Amino acid sequence: MKAKNTFNWFRKIALVEGISFLVLLFIAMPLKYLADLPMAVRIIGGL
């Protein structure tokens, strides 16, 4: 039972990290280079 709980916890953390990476890649990086807003990468990258 503990392995199942650990796996569910890992899945949730992996999902959050994946979403964070996609936001960084497709929102924050274009803002940094196209709109000259490097603060977006600092904020999103720090999460």
N, C-alpha and C. Protein backbone atom coordinates (compact mmCIF):
# COMPACT_ATOMS: atom_id res chain seq x y z
N MET A 1 0.83 -1.20 0.00
CA MET A 1 0.00 0.00 0.00
C MET A 1 0.87 1.26 0.00
N LYS A 2 1.98 1.21 0.73
CA LYS A 2 2.84 2.39 0.79
C LYS A 2 3.45 2.69 -0.57
N ALA A 3 3.79 1.66 -1.34
CA ALA A 3 4.37 1.88 -2.67
C ALA A 3 3.37 2.58 -3.58
N LYS A 4 2.10 2.26 -3.45
CA LYS A 4 1.07 2.90 -4.27
C LYS A 4 0.96 4.38 -3.91
N ASN A 5 0.98 4.70 -2.62
CA ASN A 5 0.91 6.10 -2.19
C ASN A 5 2.14 6.88 -2.66
N THR A 6 3.30 6.24 -2.59
CA THR A 6 4.53 6.89 -3.04
C THR A 6 4.46 7.14 -4.53
N PHE A 7 3.97 6.17 -5.29
CA PHE A 7 3.86 6.34 -6.73
C PHE A 7 2.88 7.45 -7.09
N ASN A 8 1.76 7.54 -6.40
CA ASN A 8 0.79 8.61 -6.65
C ASN A 8 1.39 9.97 -6.33
N TRP A 9 2.15 10.07 -5.26
CA TRP A 9 2.83 11.31 -4.90
C TRP A 9 3.82 11.69 -5.99
N PHE A 10 4.59 10.71 -6.46
CA PHE A 10 5.56 10.95 -7.52
C PHE A 10 4.88 11.42 -8.80
N ARG A 11 3.75 10.81 -9.15
CA ARG A 11 3.02 11.22 -10.35
C ARG A 11 2.55 12.66 -10.27
N LYS A 12 2.06 13.07 -9.12
CA LYS A 12 1.59 14.45 -8.95
C LYS A 12 2.75 15.44 -9.07
N ILE A 13 3.86 15.12 -8.44
CA ILE A 13 5.03 16.00 -8.52
C ILE A 13 5.55 16.06 -9.95
N ALA A 14 5.59 14.94 -10.65
CA ALA A 14 6.05 14.91 -12.04
C ALA A 14 5.13 15.73 -12.94
N LEU A 15 3.84 15.68 -12.70
CA LEU A 15 2.90 16.46 -13.49
C LEU A 15 3.12 17.96 -13.28
N VAL A 16 3.30 18.37 -12.04
CA VAL A 16 3.55 19.78 -11.74
C VAL A 16 4.86 20.23 -12.38
N GLU A 17 5.89 19.43 -12.29
CA GLU A 17 7.18 19.78 -12.90
C GLU A 17 7.07 19.86 -14.42
N GLY A 18 6.32 18.96 -15.03
CA GLY A 18 6.13 18.99 -16.47
C GLY A 18 5.40 20.24 -16.93
N ILE A 19 4.37 20.61 -16.20
CA ILE A 19 3.62 21.83 -16.54
C ILE A 19 4.52 23.05 -16.35
N SER A 20 5.29 23.06 -15.27
CA SER A 20 6.22 24.16 -15.02
C SER A 20 7.23 24.30 -16.16
N PHE A 21 7.75 23.19 -16.64
CA PHE A 21 8.71 23.21 -17.74
C PHE A 21 8.07 23.76 -19.02
N LEU A 22 6.85 23.33 -19.31
CA LEU A 22 6.18 23.81 -20.52
C LEU A 22 5.88 25.30 -20.45
N VAL A 23 5.48 25.77 -19.28
CA VAL A 23 5.24 27.21 -19.11
C VAL A 23 6.55 27.97 -19.30
N LEU A 24 7.62 27.47 -18.74
CA LEU A 24 8.92 28.11 -18.92
C LEU A 24 9.33 28.14 -20.38
N LEU A 25 9.15 27.03 -21.06
CA LEU A 25 9.59 26.90 -22.45
C LEU A 25 8.74 27.71 -23.41
N PHE A 26 7.43 27.69 -23.26
CA PHE A 26 6.55 28.29 -24.26
C PHE A 26 5.98 29.66 -23.87
N ILE A 27 6.15 30.08 -22.63
CA ILE A 27 5.64 31.39 -22.22
C ILE A 27 6.78 32.29 -21.75
N ALA A 28 7.55 31.83 -20.77
CA ALA A 28 8.57 32.69 -20.18
C ALA A 28 9.74 32.96 -21.12
N MET A 29 10.21 31.94 -21.83
CA MET A 29 11.35 32.16 -22.74
C MET A 29 11.00 33.09 -23.89
N PRO A 30 9.85 32.93 -24.55
CA PRO A 30 9.50 33.92 -25.57
C PRO A 30 9.35 35.34 -25.00
N LEU A 31 8.82 35.45 -23.79
CA LEU A 31 8.74 36.78 -23.17
C LEU A 31 10.14 37.36 -22.95
N LYS A 32 11.07 36.51 -22.58
CA LYS A 32 12.43 36.99 -22.34
C LYS A 32 13.07 37.50 -23.62
N TYR A 33 12.97 36.73 -24.70
CA TYR A 33 13.70 37.08 -25.91
C TYR A 33 12.92 37.93 -26.90
N LEU A 34 11.62 37.79 -26.94
CA LEU A 34 10.83 38.56 -27.90
C LEU A 34 10.31 39.87 -27.32
N ALA A 35 9.98 39.86 -26.05
CA ALA A 35 9.43 41.07 -25.43
C ALA A 35 10.42 41.74 -24.48
N ASP A 36 11.63 41.18 -24.39
CA ASP A 36 12.68 41.73 -23.53
C ASP A 36 12.21 41.85 -22.08
N LEU A 37 11.63 40.76 -21.57
CA LEU A 37 11.17 40.70 -20.18
C LEU A 37 11.85 39.52 -19.46
N PRO A 38 13.10 39.68 -19.05
CA PRO A 38 13.79 38.56 -18.42
C PRO A 38 13.23 38.19 -17.04
N MET A 39 12.44 39.06 -16.45
CA MET A 39 11.87 38.77 -15.14
C MET A 39 10.93 37.57 -15.19
N ALA A 40 10.29 37.33 -16.32
CA ALA A 40 9.38 36.19 -16.45
C ALA A 40 10.12 34.88 -16.21
N VAL A 41 11.33 34.76 -16.74
CA VAL A 41 12.11 33.53 -16.56
C VAL A 41 12.54 33.39 -15.11
N ARG A 42 12.89 34.48 -14.48
CA ARG A 42 13.29 34.42 -13.07
C ARG A 42 12.14 33.97 -12.18
N ILE A 43 10.95 34.46 -12.48
CA ILE A 43 9.78 34.10 -11.66
C ILE A 43 9.38 32.66 -11.90
N ILE A 44 9.18 32.28 -13.16
CA ILE A 44 8.74 30.92 -13.48
C ILE A 44 9.84 29.91 -13.18
N GLY A 45 11.08 30.25 -13.46
CA GLY A 45 12.19 29.34 -13.20
C GLY A 45 12.40 29.07 -11.72
N GLY A 46 12.01 30.00 -10.90
CA GLY A 46 12.17 29.83 -9.46
C GLY A 46 11.11 28.97 -8.81
N LEU A 47 10.09 28.62 -9.55
CA LEU A 47 9.01 27.81 -8.96
C LEU A 47 9.38 26.39 -8.86
